[in-house]
Amino acid sequence: MNLKFIKKNIFPFVKVISTVLITSAIGLESWNIYAVLTNSNVPSSLNPIFWIERFALTCHFIEGIIAAFYAPSIKKIPIQYAIYTFFVGTIGLLELFDRDDASTS
């Protein structure tokens, strides 16, 4: 398996899965905030899932910030690429730092 095969076949699949999972994590965290504000109970069995989703959201947020700062140097719109990287994760950064894409822009 070479890098071109991975980029062509694996990246699109991971992008879709990552977008779905991050969107679900945002929804889960919204539900948790709503439950706290309305004094509702959230099942305690979901606590490990809440910690995992918070860790993932934090990591993706940091990746989005990195993308926003680096995007202008290769003539990309910072906020647009930050949001894209937030949802797709590390793959967005890999695409941003890819020398082939930077030289063709």
Protein backbone atom coordinates (compact mmCIF):
# COMPACT_ATOMS: atom_id res chain seq x y z
CA MET A 1 0.00 0.00 0.00
CA ASN A 2 1.59 3.24 -1.12
CA LEU A 3 0.74 6.81 -0.16
CA LYS A 4 -1.15 7.55 -3.38
CA PHE A 5 -3.43 4.54 -2.79
CA ILE A 6 -4.10 5.69 0.77
CA LYS A 7 -4.87 9.26 -0.34
CA LYS A 8 -7.18 8.08 -3.09
CA ASN A 9 -9.08 5.32 -1.31
CA ILE A 10 -8.75 5.72 2.44
CA PHE A 11 -8.84 9.51 2.93
CA PRO A 12 -12.38 10.04 1.55
CA PHE A 13 -13.74 7.27 3.79
CA VAL A 14 -12.00 8.69 6.88
CA LYS A 15 -13.23 12.21 6.03
CA VAL A 16 -16.86 11.05 5.94
CA ILE A 17 -16.55 9.03 9.15
CA SER A 18 -14.76 11.87 10.92
CA THR A 19 -17.37 14.44 9.88
CA VAL A 20 -20.19 12.20 11.10
CA LEU A 21 -18.46 11.48 14.41
CA ILE A 22 -17.53 15.12 15.11
CA THR A 23 -21.07 16.23 14.29
CA SER A 24 -22.38 13.53 16.63
CA ALA A 25 -19.95 14.66 19.33
CA ILE A 26 -21.22 18.24 19.02
CA GLY A 27 -24.78 16.96 19.34
CA LEU A 28 -23.89 14.81 22.34
CA GLU A 29 -22.20 17.72 24.08
CA SER A 30 -25.19 19.97 23.29
CA TRP A 31 -27.48 17.38 24.87
CA ASN A 32 -25.26 17.25 27.96
CA ILE A 33 -25.24 21.07 28.29
CA TYR A 34 -29.03 21.14 27.86
CA ALA A 35 -29.41 18.48 30.54
CA VAL A 36 -27.26 20.48 32.96
CA LEU A 37 -29.19 23.70 32.28
CA THR A 38 -32.58 22.03 32.78
CA ASN A 39 -31.47 19.88 35.75
CA SER A 40 -32.19 16.70 33.79
CA ASN A 41 -30.33 13.49 34.39
CA VAL A 42 -27.96 12.01 31.83
CA PRO A 43 -27.18 8.30 32.27
CA SER A 44 -23.92 7.93 34.14
CA SER A 45 -22.94 5.10 31.82
CA LEU A 46 -22.33 7.77 29.15
CA ASN A 47 -19.57 9.50 31.15
CA PRO A 48 -16.71 7.67 29.37
CA ILE A 49 -18.25 8.59 26.02
CA PHE A 50 -18.49 12.23 27.09
CA TRP A 51 -14.79 12.27 27.97
CA ILE A 52 -13.82 10.66 24.67
CA GLU A 53 -15.92 13.13 22.65
CA ARG A 54 -14.51 16.08 24.58
CA PHE A 55 -10.97 14.89 23.90
CA ALA A 56 -11.78 14.48 20.19
CA LEU A 57 -13.43 17.90 19.97
CA THR A 58 -10.44 19.50 21.70
CA CYS A 59 -7.96 17.82 19.36
CA HIS A 60 -9.97 18.81 16.29
CA PHE A 61 -10.30 22.37 17.60
CA ILE A 62 -6.51 22.64 18.01
CA GLU A 63 -6.01 21.24 14.50
CA GLY A 64 -8.46 23.84 13.19
CA ILE A 65 -6.48 26.63 14.86
CA ILE A 66 -3.24 25.35 13.35
CA ALA A 67 -4.89 25.22 9.93
CA ALA A 68 -6.22 28.77 10.31
CA PHE A 69 -2.75 30.12 11.03
CA TYR A 70 -1.03 28.18 8.25
CA ALA A 71 -3.66 28.53 5.50
CA PRO A 72 -2.79 32.10 4.41
CA SER A 73 0.79 31.08 3.66
CA ILE A 74 -0.45 28.83 0.86
CA LYS A 75 -3.21 31.18 -0.28
CA LYS A 76 -6.16 29.44 1.37
CA ILE A 77 -9.01 31.16 3.22
CA PRO A 78 -8.20 30.72 6.95
CA ILE A 79 -11.70 30.38 8.42
CA GLN A 80 -12.87 28.07 5.65
CA TYR A 81 -9.89 25.77 5.99
CA ALA A 82 -10.07 25.87 9.81
CA ILE A 83 -13.68 24.67 9.73
CA TYR A 84 -12.82 22.00 7.16
CA THR A 85 -9.90 20.80 9.27
CA PHE A 86 -12.04 20.84 12.43
CA PHE A 87 -14.45 18.39 10.83
CA VAL A 88 -12.02 16.10 8.99
CA GLY A 89 -9.19 16.26 11.52
CA THR A 90 -5.60 15.37 10.83
CA ILE A 91 -6.30 14.64 7.18
CA GLY A 92 -7.08 18.34 6.68
CA LEU A 93 -3.67 19.22 8.09
CA LEU A 94 -1.97 16.59 5.98
CA GLU A 95 -3.59 18.06 2.88
CA LEU A 96 -2.63 21.57 3.96
CA PHE A 97 1.01 20.66 4.57
CA ASP A 98 1.26 18.52 1.43
CA ARG A 99 4.00 20.00 -0.75
CA ASP A 100 2.35 18.84 -4.00
CA ASP A 101 -0.85 20.78 -3.31
CA ALA A 102 1.05 23.87 -2.19
CA SER A 103 3.11 24.02 -5.36
CA THR A 104 0.12 23.62 -7.70
CA SER A 105 -1.99 26.37 -6.10
